[in-house]
C-alpha atoms as a PDB file:
ATOM      1  CA  MET A   1      54.672  15.612  -2.044  1.00  0.00           C
ATOM      2  CA  LYS A   2      55.868  13.978  -5.114  1.00  0.00           C
ATOM      3  CA  PHE A   3      53.140  14.137  -7.570  1.00  0.00           C
ATOM      4  CA  ASN A   4      52.398  17.898  -6.010  1.00  0.00           C
ATOM      5  CA  GLY A   5      55.682  19.374  -6.095  1.00  0.00           C
ATOM      6  CA  ASN A   6      55.978  17.997 -10.594  1.00  0.00           C
ATOM      7  CA  LEU A   7      52.479  19.070 -11.042  1.00  0.00           C
ATOM      8  CA  PHE A   8      53.444  22.550  -9.184  1.00  0.00           C
ATOM      9  CA  TYR A   9      56.703  22.138 -11.756  1.00  0.00           C
ATOM     10  CA  VAL A  10      54.441  21.984 -14.473  1.00  0.00           C
ATOM     11  CA  LEU A  11      52.077  24.792 -13.330  1.00  0.00           C
ATOM     12  CA  THR A  12      55.960  26.808 -13.225  1.00  0.00           C
ATOM     13  CA  ALA A  13      55.430  26.851 -16.949  1.00  0.00           C
ATOM     14  CA  PHE A  14      52.125  26.875 -18.198  1.00  0.00           C
ATOM     15  CA  TYR A  15      52.470  30.655 -16.358  1.00  0.00           C
ATOM     16  CA  PHE A  16      56.281  31.047 -18.200  1.00  0.00           C
ATOM     17  CA  VAL A  17      54.534  30.463 -21.561  1.00  0.00           C
ATOM     18  CA  ASP A  18      51.380  32.279 -20.616  1.00  0.00           C
ATOM     19  CA  ALA A  19      53.558  35.723 -19.352  1.00  0.00           C
ATOM     20  CA  VAL A  20      55.515  35.224 -22.752  1.00  0.00           C
ATOM     21  CA  GLY A  21      51.627  34.787 -24.329  1.00  0.00           C
ATOM     22  CA  TYR A  22      49.919  37.660 -23.197  1.00  0.00           C
ATOM     23  CA  ALA A  23      52.869  40.105 -23.312  1.00  0.00           C
ATOM     24  CA  ILE A  24      52.719  38.939 -26.703  1.00  0.00           C
ATOM     25  CA  TRP A  25      49.104  39.594 -27.465  1.00  0.00           C
ATOM     26  CA  TRP A  26      49.053  42.616 -25.479  1.00  0.00           C
ATOM     27  CA  TYR A  27      51.813  43.886 -27.935  1.00  0.00           C
ATOM     28  CA  ASN A  28      50.088  43.398 -30.587  1.00  0.00           C
ATOM     29  CA  THR A  29      46.262  44.056 -29.795  1.00  0.00           C
ATOM     30  CA  ASN A  30      47.605  47.493 -28.079  1.00  0.00           C
ATOM     31  CA  GLY A  31      50.309  48.397 -30.111  1.00  0.00           C
ATOM     32  CA  GLY A  32      52.467  48.692 -26.623  1.00  0.00           C
ATOM     33  CA  TYR A  33      54.401  47.208 -23.556  1.00  0.00           C
ATOM     34  CA  GLU A  34      51.965  46.386 -20.663  1.00  0.00           C
ATOM     35  CA  PRO A  35      54.620  45.267 -17.633  1.00  0.00           C
ATOM     36  CA  ILE A  36      51.841  44.694 -15.050  1.00  0.00           C
ATOM     37  CA  GLY A  37      49.791  42.358 -16.726  1.00  0.00           C
ATOM     38  CA  THR A  38      53.665  40.267 -17.771  1.00  0.00           C
ATOM     39  CA  ALA A  39      54.715  40.677 -14.328  1.00  0.00           C
ATOM     40  CA  ALA A  40      51.269  39.501 -12.472  1.00  0.00           C
ATOM     41  CA  ILE A  41      52.008  36.202 -14.266  1.00  0.00           C
ATOM     42  CA  ALA A  42      55.376  35.663 -14.030  1.00  0.00           C
ATOM     43  CA  MET A  43      55.010  36.139 -10.460  1.00  0.00           C
ATOM     44  CA  LEU A  44      52.853  33.140 -10.285  1.00  0.00           C
ATOM     45  CA  GLY A  45      55.525  31.535 -12.124  1.00  0.00           C
ATOM     46  CA  PHE A  46      58.144  32.044  -9.419  1.00  0.00           C
ATOM     47  CA  MET A  47      55.709  31.113  -6.526  1.00  0.00           C
ATOM     48  CA  SER A  48      54.822  27.667  -8.098  1.00  0.00           C
ATOM     49  CA  LEU A  49      58.744  27.796  -9.283  1.00  0.00           C
ATOM     50  CA  PHE A  50      58.927  28.153  -4.684  1.00  0.00           C
ATOM     51  CA  LEU A  51      56.491  25.995  -4.152  1.00  0.00           C
ATOM     52  CA  ALA A  52      57.355  22.754  -6.709  1.00  0.00           C
ATOM     53  CA  PHE A  53      61.217  22.886  -5.357  1.00  0.00           C
ATOM     54  CA  TYR A  54      60.228  23.211  -1.712  1.00  0.00           C
ATOM     55  CA  LEU A  55      58.047  20.042  -2.427  1.00  0.00           C
ATOM     56  CA  LYS A  56      60.514  18.189  -3.877  1.00  0.00           C
ATOM     57  CA  ASN A  57      63.387  17.964  -1.269  1.00  0.00           C
ATOM     58  CA  THR A  58      61.185  17.990   1.092  1.00  0.00           C
ATOM     59  CA  SER A  59      59.846  14.367  -0.705  1.00  0.00           C
ATOM     60  CA  LYS A  60      63.621  13.305  -1.733  1.00  0.00           C
ATOM     61  CA  ARG A  61      64.437  13.930   2.484  1.00  0.00           C
ATOM     62  CA  GLN A  62      60.978  12.677   3.995  1.00  0.00           C
ATOM     63  CA  GLY A  63      60.855   9.972   2.234  1.00  0.00           C
ATOM     64  CA  VAL A  64      57.437   7.817   1.273  1.00  0.00           C
ATOM     65  CA  VAL A  65      54.821   9.436   3.073  1.00  0.00           C
ATOM     66  CA  PRO A  66      50.860   7.215   3.122  1.00  0.00           C
ATOM     67  CA  GLU A  67      49.595   9.635   1.092  1.00  0.00           C
ATOM     68  CA  ASP A  68      52.490   8.669  -2.092  1.00  0.00           C
ATOM     69  CA  ARG A  69      51.563   5.326  -2.096  1.00  0.00           C
ATOM     70  CA  GLN A  70      49.174   3.381  -3.710  1.00  0.00           C
ATOM     71  CA  ASP A  71      48.086   1.225  -1.181  1.00  0.00           C
ATOM     72  CA  GLY A  72      48.128   3.722   2.156  1.00  0.00           C
ATOM     73  CA  ASN A  73      45.639   4.594   3.666  1.00  0.00           C
ATOM     74  CA  ILE A  74      44.014   7.907   6.116  1.00  0.00           C
ATOM     75  CA  GLU A  75      45.134   6.081   9.340  1.00  0.00           C
ATOM     76  CA  ASP A  76      48.863   5.426   8.165  1.00  0.00           C
ATOM     77  CA  GLY A  77      49.408   9.199   8.378  1.00  0.00           C
ATOM     78  CA  GLU A  78      50.472  11.333  11.093  1.00  0.00           C
ATOM     79  CA  SER A  79      48.359  10.763  13.912  1.00  0.00           C
ATOM     80  CA  GLU A  80      45.855  13.931  15.588  1.00  0.00           C
ATOM     81  CA  ILE A  81      47.344  17.257  14.146  1.00  0.00           C
ATOM     82  CA  GLY A  82      44.989  19.511  16.485  1.00  0.00           C
ATOM     83  CA  TYR A  83      41.683  19.555  17.523  1.00  0.00           C
ATOM     84  CA  PHE A  84      38.971  22.021  16.402  1.00  0.00           C
ATOM     85  CA  ALA A  85      35.594  22.039  18.173  1.00  0.00           C
ATOM     86  CA  PRO A  86      33.030  20.955  14.978  1.00  0.00           C
ATOM     87  CA  TRP A  87      30.436  23.816  16.924  1.00  0.00           C
ATOM     88  CA  SER A  88      31.912  26.569  16.370  1.00  0.00           C
ATOM     89  CA  TRP A  89      31.057  29.792  14.949  1.00  0.00           C
ATOM     90  CA  TRP A  90      33.883  32.135  15.480  1.00  0.00           C
ATOM     91  CA  PRO A  91      35.720  30.768  12.463  1.00  0.00           C
ATOM     92  CA  PHE A  92      32.406  32.092  10.215  1.00  0.00           C
ATOM     93  CA  PHE A  93      31.904  35.252  11.895  1.00  0.00           C
ATOM     94  CA  LEU A  94      35.945  35.754  11.861  1.00  0.00           C
ATOM     95  CA  GLY A  95      36.924  34.566   7.854  1.00  0.00           C
ATOM     96  CA  LEU A  96      33.605  37.060   6.761  1.00  0.00           C
ATOM     97  CA  PHE A  97      34.658  39.891   9.336  1.00  0.00           C
ATOM     98  CA  GLY A  98      38.454  39.389   7.897  1.00  0.00           C
ATOM     99  CA  SER A  99      36.219  40.059   4.306  1.00  0.00           C
ATOM    100  CA  ILE A 100      34.466  42.950   5.009  1.00  0.00           C
ATOM    101  CA  CYS A 101      37.985  45.144   5.923  1.00  0.00           C
ATOM    102  CA  PHE A 102      39.180  43.284   3.225  1.00  0.00           C
ATOM    103  CA  ALA A 103      36.834  45.103   0.920  1.00  0.00           C
ATOM    104  CA  ALA A 104      37.530  47.653   2.614  1.00  0.00           C
ATOM    105  CA  LEU A 105      40.219  48.630   0.580  1.00  0.00           C
ATOM    106  CA  ALA A 106      37.553  48.720  -2.870  1.00  0.00           C
ATOM    107  CA  VAL A 107      35.455  50.797  -1.420  1.00  0.00           C
ATOM    108  CA  GLY A 108      36.596  52.400   1.310  1.00  0.00           C
ATOM    109  CA  TRP A 109      38.558  53.107   4.410  1.00  0.00           C
ATOM    110  CA  TRP A 110      35.172  53.500   6.591  1.00  0.00           C
ATOM    111  CA  LEU A 111      34.329  50.264   5.961  1.00  0.00           C
ATOM    112  CA  PHE A 112      37.358  48.891   7.406  1.00  0.00           C
ATOM    113  CA  PHE A 113      36.767  50.789  10.118  1.00  0.00           C
ATOM    114  CA  ILE A 114      33.372  48.889  10.937  1.00  0.00           C
ATOM    115  CA  GLY A 115      34.961  45.696  10.076  1.00  0.00           C
ATOM    116  CA  PHE A 116      37.889  45.771  11.898  1.00  0.00           C
ATOM    117  CA  PRO A 117      36.328  45.544  15.844  1.00  0.00           C
ATOM    118  CA  LEU A 118      33.814  42.735  14.885  1.00  0.00           C
ATOM    119  CA  ALA A 119      37.079  41.305  13.827  1.00  0.00           C
ATOM    120  CA  LEU A 120      38.801  41.147  16.906  1.00  0.00           C
ATOM    121  CA  VAL A 121      36.339  40.203  18.745  1.00  0.00           C
ATOM    122  CA  ALA A 122      35.728  37.050  16.879  1.00  0.00           C
ATOM    123  CA  LEU A 123      39.353  36.595  16.359  1.00  0.00           C
ATOM    124  CA  ILE A 124      39.625  36.722  21.240  1.00  0.00           C
ATOM    125  CA  GLY A 125      36.259  34.253  20.783  1.00  0.00           C
ATOM    126  CA  PHE A 126      37.995  32.117  18.246  1.00  0.00           C
ATOM    127  CA  VAL A 127      41.278  31.858  21.074  1.00  0.00           C
ATOM    128  CA  PHE A 128      39.334  32.005  23.961  1.00  0.00           C
ATOM    129  CA  GLU A 129      36.617  29.728  22.617  1.00  0.00           C
ATOM    130  CA  ARG A 130      37.460  26.248  24.823  1.00  0.00           C
ATOM    131  CA  SER A 131      38.624  28.139  27.924  1.00  0.00           C
ATOM    132  CA  ARG A 132      35.384  29.406  29.446  1.00  0.00           C
ATOM    133  CA  GLY A 133      32.196  27.455  30.804  1.00  0.00           C
ATOM    134  CA  LEU A 134      31.967  23.371  30.590  1.00  0.00           C
ATOM    135  CA  ASN A 135      34.812  24.106  28.430  1.00  0.00           C
ATOM    136  CA  ALA A 136      37.049  25.421  30.570  1.00  0.00           C
ATOM    137  CA  HIS A 137      40.824  23.486  30.975  1.00  0.00           C
END
């Protein structure tokens, strides 16, 4: 986590320098100020700064984790995080239909009315896949 925090601090500096460079470049090529792109790149810098701050503070409180040690093994980390069915197709369909709903922003709202019911069916199937048939609790 310590390395990840440092990496995000480097990305923070890069994004802020990039935002200033973008603003200067836009002003020199187009003769005016463009606030949207400059603000978007600067927001990347702030987002990266928030992540770096969180990771570094968590690293201080938590201490050395197996991911930060050179001799750390996979089995040194936490035990089982959760059960995920390796044969499940529901996450694929949920992502597919969710992306169709998101594509409706660019294509048209009619596409949302097709993708949303399908995404809802995929979400219900994903949540309840372990509660029916041979896999019921």
